[in-house]
Amino acid sequence: KGVLKYSSPQSEIRALIEGQMLARKSYATEMGFSFGEKT
């Protein structure tokens, strides 16, 4: 169920941005984009 909030605004902001970008990469991969050294 997770937690209601984090102890600092720093954690809140990084959690937001990292979560957003993980979502973008996840669906780029599912769409068939192949990540590698030249990406």
PDB file of all heavy atoms in Angstrom:
ATOM      1  N   LYS A   1       0.821  -1.215   0.000  1.00  0.00           N
ATOM      2  CA  LYS A   1       0.000   0.000   0.000  1.00  0.00           C
ATOM      3  C   LYS A   1       0.848   1.257   0.000  1.00  0.00           C
ATOM      4  O   LYS A   1       0.346   2.354  -0.289  1.00  0.00           O
ATOM      5  CB  LYS A   1      -0.924   0.003   1.226  1.00  0.00           C
ATOM      6  CG  LYS A   1      -1.986  -1.080   1.219  1.00  0.00           C
ATOM      7  CD  LYS A   1      -2.834  -1.010   2.482  1.00  0.00           C
ATOM      8  CE  LYS A   1      -3.883  -2.099   2.510  1.00  0.00           C
ATOM      9  NZ  LYS A   1      -4.692  -2.071   3.769  1.00  0.00           N
ATOM     10  N   GLY A   2       2.126   1.102   0.332  1.00  0.00           N
ATOM     11  CA  GLY A   2       3.037   2.230   0.318  1.00  0.00           C
ATOM     12  C   GLY A   2       2.872   3.152   1.499  1.00  0.00           C
ATOM     13  O   GLY A   2       2.303   2.787   2.543  1.00  0.00           O
ATOM     14  N   VAL A   3       3.349   4.393   1.347  1.00  0.00           N
ATOM     15  CA  VAL A   3       3.304   5.391   2.419  1.00  0.00           C
ATOM     16  C   VAL A   3       2.535   6.612   1.936  1.00  0.00           C
ATOM     17  O   VAL A   3       2.397   6.858   0.732  1.00  0.00           O
ATOM     18  CB  VAL A   3       4.731   5.799   2.859  1.00  0.00           C
ATOM     19  CG1 VAL A   3       5.471   4.596   3.422  1.00  0.00           C
ATOM     20  CG2 VAL A   3       5.513   6.396   1.698  1.00  0.00           C
ATOM     21  N   LEU A   4       2.034   7.398   2.872  1.00  0.00           N
ATOM     22  CA  LEU A   4       1.249   8.578   2.519  1.00  0.00           C
ATOM     23  C   LEU A   4       2.120   9.712   1.999  1.00  0.00           C
ATOM     24  O   LEU A   4       1.708  10.458   1.112  1.00  0.00           O
ATOM     25  CB  LEU A   4       0.434   9.061   3.731  1.00  0.00           C
ATOM     26  CG  LEU A   4      -0.700   8.146   4.187  1.00  0.00           C
ATOM     27  CD1 LEU A   4      -1.367   8.718   5.436  1.00  0.00           C
ATOM     28  CD2 LEU A   4      -1.736   7.996   3.063  1.00  0.00           C
ATOM     29  N   LYS A   5       3.308   9.860   2.557  1.00  0.00           N
ATOM     30  CA  LYS A   5       4.216  10.905   2.089  1.00  0.00           C
ATOM     31  C   LYS A   5       5.631  10.574   2.544  1.00  0.00           C
ATOM     32  O   LYS A   5       5.840   9.740   3.432  1.00  0.00           O
ATOM     33  CB  LYS A   5       3.792  12.279   2.599  1.00  0.00           C
ATOM     34  CG  LYS A   5       3.847  12.433   4.116  1.00  0.00           C
ATOM     35  CD  LYS A   5       3.441  13.848   4.513  1.00  0.00           C
ATOM     36  CE  LYS A   5       3.537  14.039   6.031  1.00  0.00           C
ATOM     37  NZ  LYS A   5       3.178  15.417   6.434  1.00  0.00           N
ATOM     38  N   TYR A   6       6.585  11.280   1.944  1.00  0.00           N
ATOM     39  CA  TYR A   6       7.979  11.107   2.325  1.00  0.00           C
ATOM     40  C   TYR A   6       8.377  12.193   3.311  1.00  0.00           C
ATOM     41  O   TYR A   6       7.664  13.184   3.503  1.00  0.00           O
ATOM     42  CB  TYR A   6       8.893  11.146   1.100  1.00  0.00           C
ATOM     43  CG  TYR A   6       8.625  10.029   0.114  1.00  0.00           C
ATOM     44  CD1 TYR A   6       8.293  10.312  -1.210  1.00  0.00           C
ATOM     45  CD2 TYR A   6       8.696   8.699   0.502  1.00  0.00           C
ATOM     46  CE1 TYR A   6       8.048   9.290  -2.123  1.00  0.00           C
ATOM     47  CE2 TYR A   6       8.451   7.672  -0.405  1.00  0.00           C
ATOM     48  CZ  TYR A   6       8.115   7.976  -1.707  1.00  0.00           C
ATOM     49  OH  TYR A   6       7.868   6.963  -2.597  1.00  0.00           O
ATOM     50  N   SER A   7       9.512  12.007   3.926  1.00  0.00           N
ATOM     51  CA  SER A   7       9.920  12.887   5.021  1.00  0.00           C
ATOM     52  C   SER A   7      10.448  14.238   4.546  1.00  0.00           C
ATOM     53  O   SER A   7      10.595  15.154   5.352  1.00  0.00           O
ATOM     54  CB  SER A   7      11.007  12.197   5.864  1.00  0.00           C
ATOM     55  OG  SER A   7      12.141  11.875   5.051  1.00  0.00           O
ATOM     56  N   SER A   8      10.748  14.383   3.255  1.00  0.00           N
ATOM     57  CA  SER A   8      11.320  15.640   2.784  1.00  0.00           C
ATOM     58  C   SER A   8      10.828  15.966   1.386  1.00  0.00           C
ATOM     59  O   SER A   8      10.491  15.060   0.601  1.00  0.00           O
ATOM     60  CB  SER A   8      12.855  15.554   2.769  1.00  0.00           C
ATOM     61  OG  SER A   8      13.278  14.655   1.755  1.00  0.00           O
ATOM     62  N   PRO A   9      10.793  17.250   1.021  1.00  0.00           N
ATOM     63  CA  PRO A   9      10.419  17.632  -0.350  1.00  0.00           C
ATOM     64  C   PRO A   9      11.422  17.118  -1.374  1.00  0.00           C
ATOM     65  O   PRO A   9      11.063  16.857  -2.516  1.00  0.00           O
ATOM     66  CB  PRO A   9      10.388  19.162  -0.291  1.00  0.00           C
ATOM     67  CG  PRO A   9      11.220  19.538   0.894  1.00  0.00           C
ATOM     68  CD  PRO A   9      11.033  18.430   1.872  1.00  0.00           C
ATOM     69  N   GLN A  10      12.683  16.979  -0.953  1.00  0.00           N
ATOM     70  CA  GLN A  10      13.691  16.435  -1.863  1.00  0.00           C
ATOM     71  C   GLN A  10      13.288  15.039  -2.342  1.00  0.00           C
ATOM     72  O   GLN A  10      13.354  14.724  -3.531  1.00  0.00           O
ATOM     73  CB  GLN A  10      15.065  16.352  -1.183  1.00  0.00           C
ATOM     74  CG  GLN A  10      15.689  17.693  -0.837  1.00  0.00           C
ATOM     75  CD  GLN A  10      15.411  18.103   0.593  1.00  0.00           C
ATOM     76  OE1 GLN A  10      14.278  17.962   1.067  1.00  0.00           O
ATOM     77  NE2 GLN A  10      16.428  18.612   1.278  1.00  0.00           N
ATOM     78  N   SER A  11      12.901  14.206  -1.385  1.00  0.00           N
ATOM     79  CA  SER A  11      12.513  12.848  -1.735  1.00  0.00           C
ATOM     80  C   SER A  11      11.264  12.830  -2.603  1.00  0.00           C
ATOM     81  O   SER A  11      11.143  12.022  -3.532  1.00  0.00           O
ATOM     82  CB  SER A  11      12.277  12.021  -0.464  1.00  0.00           C
ATOM     83  OG  SER A  11      13.498  11.824   0.242  1.00  0.00           O
ATOM     84  N   GLU A  12      10.317  13.724  -2.294  1.00  0.00           N
ATOM     85  CA  GLU A  12       9.083  13.790  -3.077  1.00  0.00           C
ATOM     86  C   GLU A  12       9.380  14.129  -4.540  1.00  0.00           C
ATOM     87  O   GLU A  12       8.849  13.511  -5.466  1.00  0.00           O
ATOM     88  CB  GLU A  12       8.132  14.848  -2.485  1.00  0.00           C
ATOM     89  CG  GLU A  12       7.515  14.476  -1.150  1.00  0.00           C
ATOM     90  CD  GLU A  12       6.378  13.468  -1.279  1.00  0.00           C
ATOM     91  OE1 GLU A  12       6.128  12.955  -2.396  1.00  0.00           O
ATOM     92  OE2 GLU A  12       5.726  13.191  -0.259  1.00  0.00           O
ATOM     93  N   ILE A  13      10.227  15.112  -4.754  1.00  0.00           N
ATOM     94  CA  ILE A  13      10.498  15.573  -6.117  1.00  0.00           C
ATOM     95  C   ILE A  13      11.278  14.540  -6.913  1.00  0.00           C
ATOM     96  O   ILE A  13      10.959  14.242  -8.063  1.00  0.00           O
ATOM     97  CB  ILE A  13      11.212  16.940  -6.079  1.00  0.00           C
ATOM     98  CG1 ILE A  13      10.194  18.022  -5.684  1.00  0.00           C
ATOM     99  CG2 ILE A  13      11.874  17.263  -7.401  1.00  0.00           C
ATOM    100  CD1 ILE A  13      10.778  19.390  -5.474  1.00  0.00           C
ATOM    101  N   ARG A  14      12.321  13.954  -6.298  1.00  0.00           N
ATOM    102  CA  ARG A  14      13.070  12.937  -7.042  1.00  0.00           C
ATOM    103  C   ARG A  14      12.211  11.702  -7.292  1.00  0.00           C
ATOM    104  O   ARG A  14      12.300  11.086  -8.369  1.00  0.00           O
ATOM    105  CB  ARG A  14      14.364  12.557  -6.311  1.00  0.00           C
ATOM    106  CG  ARG A  14      15.163  11.477  -7.050  1.00  0.00           C
ATOM    107  CD  ARG A  14      16.601  11.418  -6.627  1.00  0.00           C
ATOM    108  NE  ARG A  14      17.391  12.496  -7.209  1.00  0.00           N
ATOM    109  CZ  ARG A  14      17.967  12.425  -8.405  1.00  0.00           C
ATOM    110  NH1 ARG A  14      17.805  11.350  -9.171  1.00  0.00           N
ATOM    111  NH2 ARG A  14      18.701  13.420  -8.846  1.00  0.00           N
ATOM    112  N   ALA A  15      11.369  11.331  -6.352  1.00  0.00           N
ATOM    113  CA  ALA A  15      10.489  10.180  -6.553  1.00  0.00           C
ATOM    114  C   ALA A  15       9.539  10.424  -7.729  1.00  0.00           C
ATOM    115  O   ALA A  15       9.256   9.511  -8.516  1.00  0.00           O
ATOM    116  CB  ALA A  15       9.698   9.903  -5.277  1.00  0.00           C
ATOM    117  N   LEU A  16       9.047  11.659  -7.850  1.00  0.00           N
ATOM    118  CA  LEU A  16       8.171  12.016  -8.969  1.00  0.00           C
ATOM    119  C   LEU A  16       8.903  11.875 -10.297  1.00  0.00           C
ATOM    120  O   LEU A  16       8.430  11.184 -11.217  1.00  0.00           O
ATOM    121  CB  LEU A  16       7.674  13.462  -8.811  1.00  0.00           C
ATOM    122  CG  LEU A  16       7.090  14.112 -10.073  1.00  0.00           C
ATOM    123  CD1 LEU A  16       5.759  13.483 -10.429  1.00  0.00           C
ATOM    124  CD2 LEU A  16       6.964  15.626  -9.901  1.00  0.00           C
ATOM    125  N   ILE A  17      10.058  12.526 -10.430  1.00  0.00           N
ATOM    126  CA  ILE A  17      10.761  12.556 -11.715  1.00  0.00           C
ATOM    127  C   ILE A  17      11.273  11.172 -12.103  1.00  0.00           C
ATOM    128  O   ILE A  17      11.138  10.744 -13.261  1.00  0.00           O
ATOM    129  CB  ILE A  17      11.921  13.573 -11.676  1.00  0.00           C
ATOM    130  CG1 ILE A  17      11.396  14.973 -11.352  1.00  0.00           C
ATOM    131  CG2 ILE A  17      12.658  13.577 -13.017  1.00  0.00           C
ATOM    132  CD1 ILE A  17      10.379  15.506 -12.329  1.00  0.00           C
ATOM    133  N   GLU A  18      11.845  10.442 -11.143  1.00  0.00           N
ATOM    134  CA  GLU A  18      12.321   9.100 -11.472  1.00  0.00           C
ATOM    135  C   GLU A  18      11.160   8.185 -11.854  1.00  0.00           C
ATOM    136  O   GLU A  18      11.279   7.379 -12.782  1.00  0.00           O
ATOM    137  CB  GLU A  18      13.118   8.524 -10.302  1.00  0.00           C
ATOM    138  CG  GLU A  18      14.473   9.205 -10.110  1.00  0.00           C
ATOM    139  CD  GLU A  18      15.330   8.567  -9.037  1.00  0.00           C
ATOM    140  OE1 GLU A  18      14.777   7.845  -8.169  1.00  0.00           O
ATOM    141  OE2 GLU A  18      16.559   8.784  -9.059  1.00  0.00           O
ATOM    142  N   GLY A  19      10.044   8.310 -11.145  1.00  0.00           N
ATOM    143  CA  GLY A  19       8.871   7.499 -11.471  1.00  0.00           C
ATOM    144  C   GLY A  19       8.356   7.795 -12.866  1.00  0.00           C
ATOM    145  O   GLY A  19       7.999   6.886 -13.631  1.00  0.00           O
ATOM    146  N   GLN A  20       8.312   9.092 -13.235  1.00  0.00           N
ATOM    147  CA  GLN A  20       7.854   9.455 -14.572  1.00  0.00           C
ATOM    148  C   GLN A  20       8.760   8.871 -15.647  1.00  0.00           C
ATOM    149  O   GLN A  20       8.293   8.326 -16.650  1.00  0.00           O
ATOM    150  CB  GLN A  20       7.805  10.980 -14.722  1.00  0.00           C
ATOM    151  CG  GLN A  20       6.640  11.649 -13.998  1.00  0.00           C
ATOM    152  CD  GLN A  20       6.557  13.132 -14.319  1.00  0.00           C
ATOM    153  OE1 GLN A  20       7.557  13.794 -14.560  1.00  0.00           O
ATOM    154  NE2 GLN A  20       5.339  13.663 -14.337  1.00  0.00           N
ATOM    155  N   MET A  21      10.066   8.977 -15.461  1.00  0.00           N
ATOM    156  CA  MET A  21      10.983   8.521 -16.497  1.00  0.00           C
ATOM    157  C   MET A  21      11.061   6.995 -16.583  1.00  0.00           C
ATOM    158  O   MET A  21      11.248   6.433 -17.656  1.00  0.00           O
ATOM    159  CB  MET A  21      12.369   9.131 -16.286  1.00  0.00           C
ATOM    160  CG  MET A  21      12.360  10.651 -16.388  1.00  0.00           C
ATOM    161  SD  MET A  21      11.442  11.234 -17.860  1.00  0.00           S
ATOM    162  CE  MET A  21      10.790  12.790 -17.276  1.00  0.00           C
ATOM    163  N   LEU A  22      10.901   6.323 -15.460  1.00  0.00           N
ATOM    164  CA  LEU A  22      10.809   4.861 -15.505  1.00  0.00           C
ATOM    165  C   LEU A  22       9.596   4.429 -16.314  1.00  0.00           C
ATOM    166  O   LEU A  22       9.653   3.448 -17.074  1.00  0.00           O
ATOM    167  CB  LEU A  22      10.746   4.294 -14.086  1.00  0.00           C
ATOM    168  CG  LEU A  22      12.068   4.294 -13.309  1.00  0.00           C
ATOM    169  CD1 LEU A  22      11.803   4.052 -11.823  1.00  0.00           C
ATOM    170  CD2 LEU A  22      13.037   3.241 -13.860  1.00  0.00           C
ATOM    171  N   ALA A  23       8.499   5.154 -16.161  1.00  0.00           N
ATOM    172  CA  ALA A  23       7.292   4.847 -16.938  1.00  0.00           C
ATOM    173  C   ALA A  23       7.549   5.029 -18.431  1.00  0.00           C
ATOM    174  O   ALA A  23       7.147   4.198 -19.265  1.00  0.00           O
ATOM    175  CB  ALA A  23       6.138   5.741 -16.489  1.00  0.00           C
ATOM    176  N   ARG A  24       8.246   6.131 -18.792  1.00  0.00           N
ATOM    177  CA  ARG A  24       8.516   6.384 -20.207  1.00  0.00           C
ATOM    178  C   ARG A  24       9.402   5.284 -20.808  1.00  0.00           C
ATOM    179  O   ARG A  24       9.149   4.809 -21.918  1.00  0.00           O
ATOM    180  CB  ARG A  24       9.199   7.731 -20.403  1.00  0.00           C
ATOM    181  CG  ARG A  24       8.546   9.012 -19.900  1.00  0.00           C
ATOM    182  CD  ARG A  24       7.067   8.973 -19.652  1.00  0.00           C
ATOM    183  NE  ARG A  24       6.578  10.207 -19.068  1.00  0.00           N
ATOM    184  CZ  ARG A  24       5.642  10.256 -18.142  1.00  0.00           C
ATOM    185  NH1 ARG A  24       5.126   9.125 -17.659  1.00  0.00           N
ATOM    186  NH2 ARG A  24       5.188  11.413 -17.698  1.00  0.00           N
ATOM    187  N   LYS A  25      10.431   4.887 -20.046  1.00  0.00           N
ATOM    188  CA  LYS A  25      11.323   3.860 -20.572  1.00  0.00           C
ATOM    189  C   LYS A  25      10.612   2.507 -20.670  1.00  0.00           C
ATOM    190  O   LYS A  25      10.803   1.752 -21.637  1.00  0.00           O
ATOM    191  CB  LYS A  25      12.571   3.717 -19.693  1.00  0.00           C
ATOM    192  CG  LYS A  25      13.564   2.711 -20.264  1.00  0.00           C
ATOM    193  CD  LYS A  25      14.857   2.624 -19.481  1.00  0.00           C
ATOM    194  CE  LYS A  25      15.816   1.635 -20.141  1.00  0.00           C
ATOM    195  NZ  LYS A  25      17.095   1.508 -19.406  1.00  0.00           N
ATOM    196  N   SER A  26       9.784   2.205 -19.692  1.00  0.00           N
ATOM    197  CA  SER A  26       9.080   0.932 -19.688  1.00  0.00           C
ATOM    198  C   SER A  26       8.242   0.762 -20.949  1.00  0.00           C
ATOM    199  O   SER A  26       8.285  -0.277 -21.620  1.00  0.00           O
ATOM    200  CB  SER A  26       8.181   0.824 -18.444  1.00  0.00           C
ATOM    201  OG  SER A  26       7.360  -0.321 -18.515  1.00  0.00           O
ATOM    202  N   TYR A  27       7.501   1.815 -21.311  1.00  0.00           N
ATOM    203  CA  TYR A  27       6.612   1.679 -22.464  1.00  0.00           C
ATOM    204  C   TYR A  27       7.341   1.851 -23.782  1.00  0.00           C
ATOM    205  O   TYR A  27       6.909   1.303 -24.797  1.00  0.00           O
ATOM    206  CB  TYR A  27       5.421   2.631 -22.325  1.00  0.00           C
ATOM    207  CG  TYR A  27       4.437   2.061 -21.328  1.00  0.00           C
ATOM    208  CD1 TYR A  27       4.400   2.494 -20.014  1.00  0.00           C
ATOM    209  CD2 TYR A  27       3.600   1.017 -21.699  1.00  0.00           C
ATOM    210  CE1 TYR A  27       3.546   1.925 -19.099  1.00  0.00           C
ATOM    211  CE2 TYR A  27       2.733   0.438 -20.792  1.00  0.00           C
ATOM    212  CZ  TYR A  27       2.706   0.889 -19.484  1.00  0.00           C
ATOM    213  OH  TYR A  27       1.866   0.312 -18.576  1.00  0.00           O
ATOM    214  N   ALA A  28       8.469   2.550 -23.784  1.00  0.00           N
ATOM    215  CA  ALA A  28       9.291   2.582 -24.987  1.00  0.00           C
ATOM    216  C   ALA A  28       9.813   1.178 -25.286  1.00  0.00           C
ATOM    217  O   ALA A  28       9.849   0.736 -26.443  1.00  0.00           O
ATOM    218  CB  ALA A  28      10.447   3.556 -24.818  1.00  0.00           C
ATOM    219  N   THR A  29      10.191   0.456 -24.235  1.00  0.00           N
ATOM    220  CA  THR A  29      10.670  -0.914 -24.394  1.00  0.00           C
ATOM    221  C   THR A  29       9.552  -1.820 -24.894  1.00  0.00           C
ATOM    222  O   THR A  29       9.747  -2.633 -25.805  1.00  0.00           O
ATOM    223  CB  THR A  29      11.219  -1.448 -23.051  1.00  0.00           C
ATOM    224  OG1 THR A  29      12.259  -0.584 -22.593  1.00  0.00           O
ATOM    225  CG2 THR A  29      11.762  -2.860 -23.214  1.00  0.00           C
ATOM    226  N   GLU A  30       8.360  -1.658 -24.311  1.00  0.00           N
ATOM    227  CA  GLU A  30       7.235  -2.495 -24.722  1.00  0.00           C
ATOM    228  C   GLU A  30       6.810  -2.209 -26.162  1.00  0.00           C
ATOM    229  O   GLU A  30       6.275  -3.084 -26.845  1.00  0.00           O
ATOM    230  CB  GLU A  30       6.058  -2.293 -23.768  1.00  0.00           C
ATOM    231  CG  GLU A  30       6.302  -2.874 -22.386  1.00  0.00           C
ATOM    232  CD  GLU A  30       5.058  -2.904 -21.535  1.00  0.00           C
ATOM    233  OE1 GLU A  30       3.948  -2.776 -22.095  1.00  0.00           O
ATOM    234  OE2 GLU A  30       5.182  -3.056 -20.308  1.00  0.00           O
ATOM    235  N   MET A  31       7.056  -0.970 -26.614  1.00  0.00           N
ATOM    236  CA  MET A  31       6.741  -0.620 -27.999  1.00  0.00           C
ATOM    237  C   MET A  31       7.734  -1.217 -28.979  1.00  0.00           C
ATOM    238  O   MET A  31       7.544  -1.175 -30.187  1.00  0.00           O
ATOM    239  CB  MET A  31       6.740   0.901 -28.165  1.00  0.00           C
ATOM    240  CG  MET A  31       5.553   1.597 -27.527  1.00  0.00           C
ATOM    241  SD  MET A  31       5.840   3.379 -27.444  1.00  0.00           S
ATOM    242  CE  MET A  31       6.081   3.773 -29.170  1.00  0.00           C
ATOM    243  N   GLY A  32       8.829  -1.780 -28.466  1.00  0.00           N
ATOM    244  CA  GLY A  32       9.778  -2.446 -29.338  1.00  0.00           C
ATOM    245  C   GLY A  32      11.090  -1.725 -29.523  1.00  0.00           C
ATOM    246  O   GLY A  32      11.953  -2.184 -30.275  1.00  0.00           O
ATOM    247  N   PHE A  33      11.291  -0.581 -28.826  1.00  0.00           N
ATOM    248  CA  PHE A  33      12.560   0.123 -28.968  1.00  0.00           C
ATOM    249  C   PHE A  33      13.646  -0.671 -28.257  1.00  0.00           C
ATOM    250  O   PHE A  33      13.491  -1.083 -27.112  1.00  0.00           O
ATOM    251  CB  PHE A  33      12.477   1.537 -28.387  1.00  0.00           C
ATOM    252  CG  PHE A  33      13.680   2.376 -28.695  1.00  0.00           C
ATOM    253  CD1 PHE A  33      13.737   3.110 -29.871  1.00  0.00           C
ATOM    254  CD2 PHE A  33      14.771   2.420 -27.841  1.00  0.00           C
ATOM    255  CE1 PHE A  33      14.849   3.873 -30.182  1.00  0.00           C
ATOM    256  CE2 PHE A  33      15.888   3.179 -28.131  1.00  0.00           C
ATOM    257  CZ  PHE A  33      15.933   3.910 -29.314  1.00  0.00           C
ATOM    258  N   SER A  34      14.758  -0.865 -28.941  1.00  0.00           N
ATOM    259  CA  SER A  34      15.853  -1.652 -28.392  1.00  0.00           C
ATOM    260  C   SER A  34      16.940  -0.722 -27.860  1.00  0.00           C
ATOM    261  O   SER A  34      17.569   0.017 -28.626  1.00  0.00           O
ATOM    262  CB  SER A  34      16.433  -2.571 -29.471  1.00  0.00           C
ATOM    263  OG  SER A  34      17.506  -3.329 -28.968  1.00  0.00           O
ATOM    264  N   PHE A  35      17.147  -0.734 -26.568  1.00  0.00           N
ATOM    265  CA  PHE A  35      18.163   0.112 -25.945  1.00  0.00           C
ATOM    266  C   PHE A  35      19.521  -0.581 -25.975  1.00  0.00           C
ATOM    267  O   PHE A  35      19.633  -1.780 -25.738  1.00  0.00           O
ATOM    268  CB  PHE A  35      17.773   0.427 -24.492  1.00  0.00           C
ATOM    269  CG  PHE A  35      16.606   1.374 -24.382  1.00  0.00           C
ATOM    270  CD1 PHE A  35      15.314   0.890 -24.309  1.00  0.00           C
ATOM    271  CD2 PHE A  35      16.804   2.742 -24.372  1.00  0.00           C
ATOM    272  CE1 PHE A  35      14.234   1.756 -24.212  1.00  0.00           C
ATOM    273  CE2 PHE A  35      15.742   3.616 -24.279  1.00  0.00           C
ATOM    274  CZ  PHE A  35      14.451   3.130 -24.200  1.00  0.00           C
ATOM    275  N   GLY A  36      20.555   0.196 -26.275  1.00  0.00           N
ATOM    276  CA  GLY A  36      21.897  -0.353 -26.313  1.00  0.00           C
ATOM    277  C   GLY A  36      22.936   0.734 -26.124  1.00  0.00           C
ATOM    278  O   GLY A  36      22.614   1.882 -25.792  1.00  0.00           O
ATOM    279  N   GLU A  37      24.187   0.396 -26.381  1.00  0.00           N
ATOM    280  CA  GLU A  37      25.278   1.338 -26.156  1.00  0.00           C
ATOM    281  C   GLU A  37      25.192   2.566 -27.055  1.00  0.00           C
ATOM    282  O   GLU A  37      25.669   3.645 -26.700  1.00  0.00           O
ATOM    283  CB  GLU A  37      26.622   0.631 -26.395  1.00  0.00           C
ATOM    284  CG  GLU A  37      26.945  -0.449 -25.363  1.00  0.00           C
ATOM    285  CD  GLU A  37      28.297  -1.090 -25.617  1.00  0.00           C
ATOM    286  OE1 GLU A  37      28.961  -0.675 -26.603  1.00  0.00           O
ATOM    287  OE2 GLU A  37      28.688  -1.975 -24.841  1.00  0.00           O
ATOM    288  N   LYS A  38      24.576   2.427 -28.241  1.00  0.00           N
ATOM    289  CA  LYS A  38      24.508   3.534 -29.191  1.00  0.00           C
ATOM    290  C   LYS A  38      23.252   4.400 -29.017  1.00  0.00           C
ATOM    291  O   LYS A  38      23.083   5.390 -29.724  1.00  0.00           O
ATOM    292  CB  LYS A  38      24.558   2.997 -30.619  1.00  0.00           C
ATOM    293  CG  LYS A  38      25.872   2.299 -30.973  1.00  0.00           C
ATOM    294  CD  LYS A  38      25.860   1.830 -32.413  1.00  0.00           C
ATOM    295  CE  LYS A  38      27.164   1.138 -32.773  1.00  0.00           C
ATOM    296  NZ  LYS A  38      27.160   0.676 -34.188  1.00  0.00           N
ATOM    297  N   THR A  39      22.392   4.019 -28.090  1.00  0.00           N
ATOM    298  CA  THR A  39      21.140   4.753 -27.916  1.00  0.00           C
ATOM    299  C   THR A  39      21.398   6.201 -27.508  1.00  0.00           C
ATOM    300  O   THR A  39      22.215   6.478 -26.630  1.00  0.00           O
ATOM    301  CB  THR A  39      20.257   4.080 -26.847  1.00  0.00           C
ATOM    302  OG1 THR A  39      19.925   2.761 -27.277  1.00  0.00           O
ATOM    303  CG2 THR A  39      18.973   4.872 -26.626  1.00  0.00           C
TER     304      THR A  39
END
